[in-house]
């Protein structure tokens, strides 16, 4: 395979990216560390309140487990009755919108930024993520930038979504591929 060009991280420049003032980001860093990204603070009501104070739109009945890491709450919208599991990392350099009744299981990674490996300076690339109502993002799975997870879709544990997941589809693997269709039975 022929080599073409070289990466030069010394020319990397993301000065165009302004996700908030340094003071705002600094305050959030410490609040996130003290109240969300640890095992010692169990009060979900305070976590939800704090996220709202920093600009997140958080619906009713949202459950936030311990050791959750959220990059920028002002780029986050979470619908009603969602579960955000232990060690979930929402690395939202761009907007992340999560519908109602969504489950993000333990260790899931939602990442809306990446680097352009085709550019010598490894430029930052951002695209929003949208996770529709009723979706389930399995334990230790990853949703990458620009992905739309359809209504009630399932991303199986340890899988990586790099493109759209269709509604009610069950996806598995890296990259995730459709393996089945989800049927939801009534509890009644």
N, C-alpha and C. Protein backbone atom coordinates (compact mmCIF):
# COMPACT_ATOMS: atom_id res chain seq x y z
N UNK A 1 0.84 -1.16 0.00
CA UNK A 1 0.00 0.00 0.00
C UNK A 1 0.90 1.24 0.00
N UNK A 2 0.64 2.14 -0.89
CA UNK A 2 1.45 3.35 -1.03
C UNK A 2 1.10 4.38 0.04
N UNK A 3 2.13 4.96 0.64
CA UNK A 3 1.92 6.00 1.66
C UNK A 3 1.68 7.33 0.97
N UNK A 4 0.71 8.08 1.51
CA UNK A 4 0.39 9.38 0.93
C UNK A 4 0.18 10.39 2.04
N UNK A 5 1.05 11.38 2.15
CA UNK A 5 0.92 12.43 3.14
C UNK A 5 1.27 11.94 4.54
N UNK A 6 1.28 12.90 5.46
CA UNK A 6 1.59 12.59 6.85
C UNK A 6 0.71 13.42 7.79
N UNK A 7 0.41 12.85 8.93
CA UNK A 7 -0.30 13.59 9.97
C UNK A 7 0.68 14.54 10.65
N UNK A 8 0.23 15.78 10.89
CA UNK A 8 1.06 16.77 11.57
C UNK A 8 0.21 17.44 12.65
N UNK A 9 0.24 16.88 13.85
CA UNK A 9 -0.60 17.41 14.92
C UNK A 9 -0.16 18.80 15.38
N UNK A 10 1.02 19.23 15.00
CA UNK A 10 1.47 20.57 15.37
C UNK A 10 0.66 21.66 14.67
N UNK A 11 -0.05 21.32 13.59
CA UNK A 11 -0.87 22.33 12.90
C UNK A 11 -2.36 22.23 13.29
N UNK A 12 -2.66 21.33 14.22
CA UNK A 12 -4.05 21.20 14.68
C UNK A 12 -4.54 22.53 15.24
N UNK A 13 -5.74 22.94 14.82
CA UNK A 13 -6.29 24.22 15.27
C UNK A 13 -7.81 24.10 15.37
N UNK A 14 -8.32 24.07 16.59
CA UNK A 14 -9.77 24.08 16.77
C UNK A 14 -10.23 25.38 17.42
N UNK A 15 -9.49 26.45 17.17
CA UNK A 15 -9.83 27.74 17.78
C UNK A 15 -11.21 28.23 17.36
N UNK A 16 -11.71 27.74 16.22
CA UNK A 16 -13.05 28.10 15.76
C UNK A 16 -14.14 27.53 16.66
N UNK A 17 -13.82 26.48 17.42
CA UNK A 17 -14.81 25.81 18.26
C UNK A 17 -14.90 26.50 19.61
N UNK A 18 -16.05 27.10 19.89
CA UNK A 18 -16.29 27.83 21.13
C UNK A 18 -17.52 27.25 21.83
N UNK A 19 -17.36 26.20 22.63
CA UNK A 19 -18.51 25.55 23.25
C UNK A 19 -19.06 26.27 24.48
N UNK A 20 -18.52 27.40 24.82
CA UNK A 20 -18.95 28.16 26.01
C UNK A 20 -17.74 28.86 26.60
N UNK A 21 -18.00 29.81 27.45
CA UNK A 21 -16.89 30.55 28.06
C UNK A 21 -16.04 29.63 28.92
N UNK A 22 -14.80 30.02 29.12
CA UNK A 22 -13.90 29.24 29.97
C UNK A 22 -14.41 29.12 31.39
N UNK A 23 -15.03 30.18 31.89
CA UNK A 23 -15.59 30.14 33.25
C UNK A 23 -16.73 29.13 33.34
N UNK A 24 -17.62 29.17 32.36
CA UNK A 24 -18.75 28.25 32.33
C UNK A 24 -18.27 26.79 32.25
N UNK A 25 -17.32 26.54 31.35
CA UNK A 25 -16.80 25.19 31.21
C UNK A 25 -16.06 24.73 32.46
N UNK A 26 -15.32 25.65 33.09
CA UNK A 26 -14.61 25.33 34.33
C UNK A 26 -15.56 25.00 35.47
N UNK A 27 -16.60 25.81 35.63
CA UNK A 27 -17.61 25.54 36.67
C UNK A 27 -18.28 24.20 36.44
N UNK A 28 -18.64 23.94 35.17
CA UNK A 28 -19.28 22.67 34.87
C UNK A 28 -18.34 21.50 35.15
N UNK A 29 -17.07 21.64 34.81
CA UNK A 29 -16.10 20.57 35.04
C UNK A 29 -16.13 20.13 36.50
N UNK A 30 -16.10 21.08 37.42
CA UNK A 30 -16.08 20.74 38.85
C UNK A 30 -17.44 20.23 39.33
N UNK A 31 -18.53 20.80 38.84
CA UNK A 31 -19.87 20.30 39.23
C UNK A 31 -20.08 18.88 38.73
N UNK A 32 -19.68 18.62 37.49
CA UNK A 32 -19.79 17.28 36.91
C UNK A 32 -18.98 16.29 37.74
N UNK A 33 -17.76 16.67 38.09
CA UNK A 33 -16.88 15.81 38.88
C UNK A 33 -17.45 15.51 40.27
N UNK A 34 -18.00 16.54 40.91
CA UNK A 34 -18.51 16.38 42.28
C UNK A 34 -19.86 15.69 42.37
N UNK A 35 -20.75 15.96 41.41
CA UNK A 35 -22.13 15.50 41.57
C UNK A 35 -22.57 14.41 40.59
N UNK A 36 -21.97 14.32 39.40
CA UNK A 36 -22.39 13.31 38.44
C UNK A 36 -21.35 12.21 38.27
N UNK A 37 -20.12 12.59 38.03
CA UNK A 37 -19.09 11.63 37.66
C UNK A 37 -18.37 11.07 38.89
N UNK A 38 -19.14 10.56 39.83
CA UNK A 38 -18.57 9.90 41.01
C UNK A 38 -19.59 8.91 41.58
N UNK A 39 -19.13 8.11 42.53
CA UNK A 39 -20.02 7.12 43.17
C UNK A 39 -20.60 7.61 44.49
N UNK A 40 -20.19 8.78 44.95
CA UNK A 40 -20.53 9.22 46.29
C UNK A 40 -21.76 10.10 46.38
N UNK A 41 -22.33 10.50 45.25
CA UNK A 41 -23.48 11.41 45.30
C UNK A 41 -24.68 10.75 44.65
N UNK A 42 -25.62 10.23 45.45
CA UNK A 42 -26.72 9.44 44.89
C UNK A 42 -27.98 10.22 44.51
N UNK A 43 -28.11 11.48 44.87
CA UNK A 43 -29.38 12.19 44.71
C UNK A 43 -29.66 12.61 43.26
N UNK A 44 -30.52 11.86 42.60
CA UNK A 44 -30.87 12.14 41.21
C UNK A 44 -31.54 13.49 41.02
N UNK A 45 -32.33 13.91 42.00
CA UNK A 45 -33.02 15.20 41.87
C UNK A 45 -32.02 16.35 41.78
N UNK A 46 -30.95 16.28 42.54
CA UNK A 46 -29.92 17.32 42.50
C UNK A 46 -29.17 17.26 41.17
N UNK A 47 -28.90 16.07 40.67
CA UNK A 47 -28.22 15.91 39.38
C UNK A 47 -29.06 16.54 38.27
N UNK A 48 -30.37 16.25 38.26
CA UNK A 48 -31.24 16.80 37.23
C UNK A 48 -31.31 18.32 37.34
N UNK A 49 -31.42 18.83 38.57
CA UNK A 49 -31.47 20.28 38.79
C UNK A 49 -30.19 20.95 38.30
N UNK A 50 -29.06 20.38 38.64
CA UNK A 50 -27.78 20.94 38.25
C UNK A 50 -27.62 20.96 36.72
N UNK A 51 -28.01 19.88 36.06
CA UNK A 51 -27.96 19.86 34.60
C UNK A 51 -28.83 20.97 34.00
N UNK A 52 -30.01 21.17 34.57
CA UNK A 52 -30.89 22.24 34.08
C UNK A 52 -30.27 23.61 34.31
N UNK A 53 -29.65 23.81 35.46
CA UNK A 53 -28.98 25.09 35.76
C UNK A 53 -27.94 25.40 34.69
N UNK A 54 -27.26 24.37 34.20
CA UNK A 54 -26.23 24.56 33.18
C UNK A 54 -26.78 24.47 31.75
N UNK A 55 -28.10 24.50 31.60
CA UNK A 55 -28.70 24.63 30.27
C UNK A 55 -29.24 23.38 29.63
N UNK A 56 -29.12 22.23 30.27
CA UNK A 56 -29.69 21.01 29.70
C UNK A 56 -31.22 21.06 29.81
N UNK A 57 -31.87 20.45 28.85
CA UNK A 57 -33.32 20.28 28.91
C UNK A 57 -33.55 18.83 29.33
N UNK A 58 -34.04 18.68 30.57
CA UNK A 58 -34.21 17.36 31.17
C UNK A 58 -35.68 17.15 31.47
N UNK A 59 -36.26 16.07 30.94
CA UNK A 59 -37.67 15.78 31.15
C UNK A 59 -37.95 15.23 32.54
N UNK A 60 -39.20 14.88 32.77
CA UNK A 60 -39.59 14.34 34.07
C UNK A 60 -39.27 12.85 34.15
N UNK A 61 -39.00 12.40 35.38
CA UNK A 61 -38.76 10.98 35.63
C UNK A 61 -37.44 10.45 35.09
N UNK A 62 -36.49 11.31 34.82
CA UNK A 62 -35.19 10.86 34.31
C UNK A 62 -34.35 10.30 35.46
N UNK A 63 -33.79 9.11 35.26
CA UNK A 63 -32.95 8.45 36.26
C UNK A 63 -31.50 8.58 35.80
N UNK A 64 -30.65 9.12 36.67
CA UNK A 64 -29.22 9.26 36.37
C UNK A 64 -28.44 8.47 37.42
N UNK A 65 -27.83 7.41 36.99
CA UNK A 65 -27.06 6.53 37.88
C UNK A 65 -25.70 7.15 38.21
N UNK A 66 -24.91 6.52 39.09
CA UNK A 66 -23.60 7.05 39.45
C UNK A 66 -22.58 7.00 38.31
N UNK A 67 -21.58 7.86 38.42
CA UNK A 67 -20.40 7.89 37.56
C UNK A 67 -20.73 8.24 36.12
N UNK A 68 -21.77 9.06 35.90
CA UNK A 68 -22.13 9.55 34.57
C UNK A 68 -21.26 10.76 34.25
N UNK A 69 -20.81 10.84 33.02
CA UNK A 69 -19.97 11.96 32.59
C UNK A 69 -20.65 12.66 31.41
N UNK A 70 -20.93 13.93 31.56
CA UNK A 70 -21.56 14.72 30.50
C UNK A 70 -20.65 15.89 30.19
N UNK A 71 -20.24 15.99 28.92
CA UNK A 71 -19.26 17.01 28.52
C UNK A 71 -19.83 18.42 28.66
N UNK A 72 -20.90 18.73 27.93
CA UNK A 72 -21.48 20.08 27.93
C UNK A 72 -23.00 19.98 28.05
N UNK A 73 -23.55 20.19 29.25
CA UNK A 73 -25.00 20.05 29.42
C UNK A 73 -25.81 21.00 28.55
N UNK A 74 -25.26 22.14 28.18
CA UNK A 74 -26.00 23.11 27.36
C UNK A 74 -26.21 22.60 25.94
N UNK A 75 -25.61 21.47 25.56
CA UNK A 75 -25.85 20.83 24.26
C UNK A 75 -26.67 19.55 24.41
N UNK A 76 -27.38 19.39 25.54
CA UNK A 76 -28.08 18.13 25.84
C UNK A 76 -29.57 18.34 26.05
N UNK A 77 -30.35 17.46 25.43
CA UNK A 77 -31.80 17.42 25.65
C UNK A 77 -32.18 15.96 25.90
N UNK A 78 -32.84 15.72 27.05
CA UNK A 78 -33.27 14.37 27.42
C UNK A 78 -34.77 14.40 27.69
N UNK A 79 -35.51 13.51 27.07
CA UNK A 79 -36.96 13.45 27.23
C UNK A 79 -37.38 12.86 28.56
N UNK A 80 -38.66 12.55 28.67
CA UNK A 80 -39.25 12.02 29.90
C UNK A 80 -38.91 10.54 30.10
N UNK A 81 -38.78 10.15 31.36
CA UNK A 81 -38.63 8.76 31.80
C UNK A 81 -37.49 8.02 31.11
N UNK A 82 -36.36 8.67 31.00
CA UNK A 82 -35.15 8.05 30.44
C UNK A 82 -34.28 7.52 31.57
N UNK A 83 -33.49 6.51 31.26
CA UNK A 83 -32.53 5.97 32.21
C UNK A 83 -31.14 6.18 31.64
N UNK A 84 -30.29 6.81 32.43
CA UNK A 84 -28.89 7.00 32.05
C UNK A 84 -28.07 6.17 33.03
N UNK A 85 -27.54 5.07 32.53
CA UNK A 85 -26.90 4.06 33.39
C UNK A 85 -25.52 4.45 33.88
N UNK A 86 -25.06 3.65 34.81
CA UNK A 86 -23.75 3.84 35.44
C UNK A 86 -22.64 3.87 34.38
N UNK A 87 -21.74 4.84 34.55
CA UNK A 87 -20.56 5.02 33.69
C UNK A 87 -20.90 5.41 32.26
N UNK A 88 -22.11 5.91 31.99
CA UNK A 88 -22.42 6.43 30.66
C UNK A 88 -21.62 7.71 30.46
N UNK A 89 -21.07 7.86 29.26
CA UNK A 89 -20.34 9.08 28.90
C UNK A 89 -21.02 9.71 27.70
N UNK A 90 -21.60 10.88 27.92
CA UNK A 90 -22.19 11.65 26.83
C UNK A 90 -21.17 12.73 26.48
N UNK A 91 -20.35 12.44 25.47
CA UNK A 91 -19.28 13.35 25.04
C UNK A 91 -19.86 14.23 23.94
N UNK A 92 -20.71 15.16 24.37
CA UNK A 92 -21.50 15.95 23.43
C UNK A 92 -20.82 17.28 23.08
N UNK A 93 -19.87 17.20 22.19
CA UNK A 93 -19.26 18.41 21.64
C UNK A 93 -20.25 19.14 20.74
N UNK A 94 -21.26 18.43 20.26
CA UNK A 94 -22.37 18.98 19.48
C UNK A 94 -23.66 18.52 20.15
N UNK A 95 -24.79 18.92 19.62
CA UNK A 95 -26.09 18.62 20.22
C UNK A 95 -26.33 17.11 20.30
N UNK A 96 -26.84 16.68 21.45
CA UNK A 96 -27.32 15.31 21.62
C UNK A 96 -28.75 15.43 22.13
N UNK A 97 -29.68 14.86 21.36
CA UNK A 97 -31.09 14.87 21.74
C UNK A 97 -31.56 13.44 21.94
N UNK A 98 -32.12 13.21 23.12
CA UNK A 98 -32.58 11.88 23.51
C UNK A 98 -34.08 11.97 23.75
N UNK A 99 -34.85 11.11 23.09
CA UNK A 99 -36.30 11.14 23.19
C UNK A 99 -36.80 10.62 24.54
N UNK A 100 -38.07 10.28 24.59
CA UNK A 100 -38.71 9.76 25.79
C UNK A 100 -38.49 8.25 25.92
N UNK A 101 -38.42 7.77 27.15
CA UNK A 101 -38.35 6.33 27.45
C UNK A 101 -37.14 5.65 26.80
N UNK A 102 -36.02 6.35 26.76
CA UNK A 102 -34.77 5.82 26.20
C UNK A 102 -33.92 5.27 27.34
N UNK A 103 -33.26 4.16 27.10
CA UNK A 103 -32.35 3.57 28.08
C UNK A 103 -30.93 3.58 27.51
N UNK A 104 -30.03 4.27 28.21
CA UNK A 104 -28.60 4.21 27.91
C UNK A 104 -27.97 3.33 28.98
N UNK A 105 -27.60 2.12 28.63
CA UNK A 105 -27.11 1.15 29.61
C UNK A 105 -25.67 1.43 30.02
N UNK A 106 -25.23 0.68 31.02
CA UNK A 106 -23.93 0.88 31.66
C UNK A 106 -22.79 0.99 30.65
N UNK A 107 -22.01 2.06 30.81
CA UNK A 107 -20.81 2.23 30.00
C UNK A 107 -21.03 2.65 28.56
N UNK A 108 -22.26 2.98 28.19
CA UNK A 108 -22.51 3.43 26.81
C UNK A 108 -21.77 4.74 26.56
N UNK A 109 -21.32 4.94 25.33
CA UNK A 109 -20.61 6.14 24.93
C UNK A 109 -21.37 6.79 23.78
N UNK A 110 -21.77 8.03 24.00
CA UNK A 110 -22.45 8.82 22.98
C UNK A 110 -21.47 9.93 22.61
N UNK A 111 -20.94 9.90 21.38
CA UNK A 111 -19.83 10.78 21.04
C UNK A 111 -20.10 11.54 19.74
N UNK A 112 -20.32 12.86 19.87
CA UNK A 112 -20.74 13.67 18.72
C UNK A 112 -19.58 14.39 18.03
N UNK A 113 -18.36 14.09 18.40
CA UNK A 113 -17.20 14.69 17.75
C UNK A 113 -16.19 13.63 17.36
N UNK A 114 -15.38 13.97 16.37
CA UNK A 114 -14.35 13.06 15.91
C UNK A 114 -13.27 13.88 15.22
N UNK A 115 -12.29 13.23 14.64
CA UNK A 115 -11.23 13.92 13.93
C UNK A 115 -11.18 13.43 12.49
N UNK A 116 -10.87 14.33 11.58
CA UNK A 116 -10.76 14.00 10.17
C UNK A 116 -9.36 13.48 9.88
N UNK A 117 -9.23 12.17 9.78
CA UNK A 117 -7.92 11.55 9.59
C UNK A 117 -7.35 11.79 8.19
N UNK A 118 -8.17 12.35 7.28
CA UNK A 118 -7.71 12.64 5.93
C UNK A 118 -6.97 13.98 5.84
N UNK A 119 -7.10 14.79 6.87
CA UNK A 119 -6.48 16.12 6.91
C UNK A 119 -5.23 16.03 7.78
N UNK A 120 -4.12 16.59 7.32
CA UNK A 120 -2.86 16.47 8.06
C UNK A 120 -2.95 16.99 9.48
N UNK A 121 -3.77 18.02 9.71
CA UNK A 121 -3.91 18.60 11.04
C UNK A 121 -4.94 17.92 11.91
N UNK A 122 -5.56 16.80 11.42
CA UNK A 122 -6.47 16.00 12.23
C UNK A 122 -7.65 16.84 12.72
N UNK A 123 -8.23 17.64 11.80
CA UNK A 123 -9.28 18.61 12.14
C UNK A 123 -10.45 18.00 12.90
N UNK A 124 -11.01 18.79 13.81
CA UNK A 124 -12.18 18.39 14.59
C UNK A 124 -13.41 18.41 13.69
N UNK A 125 -14.23 17.36 13.79
CA UNK A 125 -15.49 17.27 13.05
C UNK A 125 -16.61 17.07 14.07
N UNK A 126 -17.71 17.79 13.88
CA UNK A 126 -18.85 17.71 14.80
C UNK A 126 -20.13 17.44 14.04
N UNK A 127 -20.97 16.57 14.59
CA UNK A 127 -22.30 16.32 14.04
C UNK A 127 -23.21 15.91 15.20
N UNK A 128 -24.44 16.42 15.22
CA UNK A 128 -25.36 16.07 16.31
C UNK A 128 -25.80 14.61 16.25
N UNK A 129 -26.28 14.13 17.38
CA UNK A 129 -26.82 12.78 17.51
C UNK A 129 -28.26 12.90 17.99
N UNK A 130 -29.14 12.08 17.42
CA UNK A 130 -30.53 12.05 17.84
C UNK A 130 -30.91 10.60 18.14
N UNK A 131 -31.42 10.37 19.35
CA UNK A 131 -31.86 9.03 19.77
C UNK A 131 -33.36 9.13 20.03
N UNK A 132 -34.15 8.48 19.18
CA UNK A 132 -35.61 8.60 19.23
C UNK A 132 -36.23 7.81 20.39
N UNK A 133 -37.51 8.08 20.63
CA UNK A 133 -38.27 7.48 21.71
C UNK A 133 -38.12 5.95 21.76
N UNK A 134 -38.00 5.44 22.98
CA UNK A 134 -38.04 4.00 23.21
C UNK A 134 -36.79 3.23 22.82
N UNK A 135 -35.76 3.92 22.34
CA UNK A 135 -34.54 3.21 21.92
C UNK A 135 -33.78 2.69 23.14
N UNK A 136 -32.99 1.66 22.92
CA UNK A 136 -32.16 1.09 23.96
C UNK A 136 -30.73 0.98 23.43
N UNK A 137 -29.83 1.70 24.09
CA UNK A 137 -28.41 1.65 23.75
C UNK A 137 -27.76 0.73 24.78
N UNK A 138 -27.33 -0.44 24.34
CA UNK A 138 -26.85 -1.49 25.23
C UNK A 138 -25.55 -1.15 25.94
N UNK A 139 -25.25 -1.94 26.96
CA UNK A 139 -24.05 -1.74 27.78
C UNK A 139 -22.79 -1.73 26.91
N UNK A 140 -21.92 -0.78 27.20
CA UNK A 140 -20.63 -0.62 26.52
C UNK A 140 -20.74 -0.51 25.01
N UNK A 141 -21.85 0.02 24.54
CA UNK A 141 -21.99 0.26 23.11
C UNK A 141 -21.69 1.73 22.83
N UNK A 142 -21.54 2.07 21.55
CA UNK A 142 -21.16 3.42 21.16
C UNK A 142 -22.03 3.92 20.02
N UNK A 143 -22.48 5.18 20.16
CA UNK A 143 -23.18 5.87 19.09
C UNK A 143 -22.28 7.02 18.66
N UNK A 144 -21.90 7.03 17.38
CA UNK A 144 -20.95 8.03 16.90
C UNK A 144 -21.64 9.22 16.25
N UNK A 145 -20.85 10.22 15.95
CA UNK A 145 -21.34 11.50 15.46
C UNK A 145 -22.26 11.35 14.25
N UNK A 146 -23.31 12.17 14.26
CA UNK A 146 -24.23 12.24 13.13
C UNK A 146 -25.23 11.12 13.03
N UNK A 147 -25.22 10.17 13.97
CA UNK A 147 -26.12 9.01 13.89
C UNK A 147 -27.50 9.37 14.42
N UNK A 148 -28.52 8.89 13.72
CA UNK A 148 -29.90 8.98 14.18
C UNK A 148 -30.34 7.56 14.54
N UNK A 149 -30.68 7.36 15.81
CA UNK A 149 -31.17 6.07 16.29
C UNK A 149 -32.69 6.14 16.23
N UNK A 150 -33.30 5.30 15.41
CA UNK A 150 -34.74 5.33 15.20
C UNK A 150 -35.53 4.89 16.42
N UNK A 151 -36.80 5.21 16.39
CA UNK A 151 -37.73 4.88 17.47
C UNK A 151 -37.67 3.39 17.81
N UNK A 152 -37.46 3.09 19.08
CA UNK A 152 -37.48 1.74 19.63
C UNK A 152 -36.40 0.81 19.05
N UNK A 153 -35.39 1.38 18.42
CA UNK A 153 -34.27 0.57 17.93
C UNK A 153 -33.44 0.09 19.12
N UNK A 154 -32.72 -1.01 18.93
CA UNK A 154 -31.86 -1.57 19.96
C UNK A 154 -30.45 -1.68 19.39
N UNK A 155 -29.49 -1.15 20.12
CA UNK A 155 -28.08 -1.33 19.80
C UNK A 155 -27.52 -2.28 20.85
N UNK A 156 -27.22 -3.50 20.45
CA UNK A 156 -26.82 -4.55 21.40
C UNK A 156 -25.52 -4.22 22.11
N UNK A 157 -25.32 -4.83 23.25
CA UNK A 157 -24.14 -4.58 24.09
C UNK A 157 -22.86 -4.71 23.28
N UNK A 158 -21.96 -3.75 23.48
CA UNK A 158 -20.66 -3.77 22.85
C UNK A 158 -20.63 -3.42 21.37
N UNK A 159 -21.73 -2.95 20.83
CA UNK A 159 -21.81 -2.64 19.41
C UNK A 159 -21.50 -1.18 19.14
N UNK A 160 -21.22 -0.86 17.86
CA UNK A 160 -20.86 0.50 17.47
C UNK A 160 -21.74 0.96 16.32
N UNK A 161 -22.54 1.99 16.57
CA UNK A 161 -23.41 2.56 15.54
C UNK A 161 -22.69 3.70 14.84
N UNK A 162 -22.39 3.50 13.55
CA UNK A 162 -21.72 4.52 12.76
C UNK A 162 -22.63 5.09 11.67
N UNK A 163 -23.82 4.54 11.55
CA UNK A 163 -24.81 5.04 10.60
C UNK A 163 -26.20 4.85 11.21
N UNK A 164 -27.21 5.38 10.56
CA UNK A 164 -28.57 5.40 11.10
C UNK A 164 -29.07 4.00 11.46
N UNK A 165 -29.80 3.93 12.58
CA UNK A 165 -30.47 2.69 12.99
C UNK A 165 -31.96 2.88 12.74
N UNK A 166 -32.56 1.99 11.98
CA UNK A 166 -33.96 2.10 11.61
C UNK A 166 -34.87 1.80 12.80
N UNK A 167 -36.07 2.41 12.82
CA UNK A 167 -37.01 2.15 13.91
C UNK A 167 -37.26 0.65 14.08
N UNK A 168 -37.29 0.22 15.33
CA UNK A 168 -37.58 -1.16 15.75
C UNK A 168 -36.53 -2.17 15.27
N UNK A 169 -35.43 -1.71 14.73
CA UNK A 169 -34.37 -2.62 14.33
C UNK A 169 -33.51 -3.01 15.53
N UNK A 170 -33.02 -4.25 15.50
CA UNK A 170 -32.07 -4.71 16.51
C UNK A 170 -30.72 -4.84 15.79
N UNK A 171 -29.72 -4.14 16.32
CA UNK A 171 -28.42 -4.04 15.68
C UNK A 171 -27.33 -4.62 16.58
N UNK A 172 -26.32 -5.24 15.93
CA UNK A 172 -25.23 -5.84 16.68
C UNK A 172 -23.95 -5.76 15.85
N UNK A 173 -22.81 -5.59 16.54
CA UNK A 173 -21.52 -5.67 15.89
C UNK A 173 -20.82 -4.33 15.74
N UNK A 174 -19.65 -4.39 15.09
CA UNK A 174 -18.84 -3.20 14.82
C UNK A 174 -18.31 -3.28 13.39
N UNK A 175 -18.92 -2.51 12.50
CA UNK A 175 -20.03 -1.60 12.71
C UNK A 175 -21.34 -2.38 12.86
N UNK A 176 -22.27 -1.78 13.57
CA UNK A 176 -23.55 -2.44 13.86
C UNK A 176 -24.32 -2.71 12.57
N UNK A 177 -24.85 -3.92 12.49
CA UNK A 177 -25.70 -4.29 11.35
C UNK A 177 -27.02 -4.83 11.89
N UNK A 178 -28.05 -4.72 11.07
CA UNK A 178 -29.39 -5.18 11.44
C UNK A 178 -29.41 -6.69 11.54
N UNK A 179 -29.87 -7.22 12.69
CA UNK A 179 -29.93 -8.67 12.88
C UNK A 179 -31.35 -9.18 13.12
N UNK A 180 -32.27 -8.27 13.49
CA UNK A 180 -33.62 -8.70 13.76
C UNK A 180 -34.53 -7.48 13.89
N UNK A 181 -35.80 -7.72 14.12
CA UNK A 181 -36.79 -6.67 14.34
C UNK A 181 -37.34 -6.81 15.75
N UNK A 182 -37.49 -5.69 16.41
CA UNK A 182 -37.98 -5.67 17.81
C UNK A 182 -39.50 -5.71 17.82
N UNK A 183 -40.04 -6.62 18.61
CA UNK A 183 -41.48 -6.69 18.88
C UNK A 183 -41.65 -6.47 20.37
N UNK A 184 -42.51 -5.53 20.74
CA UNK A 184 -42.72 -5.21 22.14
C UNK A 184 -44.08 -5.72 22.57
N UNK A 185 -44.09 -6.55 23.60
CA UNK A 185 -45.33 -7.13 24.11
C UNK A 185 -45.86 -6.27 25.27
N UNK A 186 -47.14 -6.25 25.42
CA UNK A 186 -47.78 -5.49 26.49
C UNK A 186 -47.65 -6.23 27.83
N UNK A 187 -47.52 -5.44 28.92
CA UNK A 187 -47.51 -6.01 30.27
C UNK A 187 -48.90 -6.38 30.73
N UNK A 188 -49.90 -5.99 30.03
CA UNK A 188 -51.29 -6.16 30.47
C UNK A 188 -51.83 -7.50 30.11
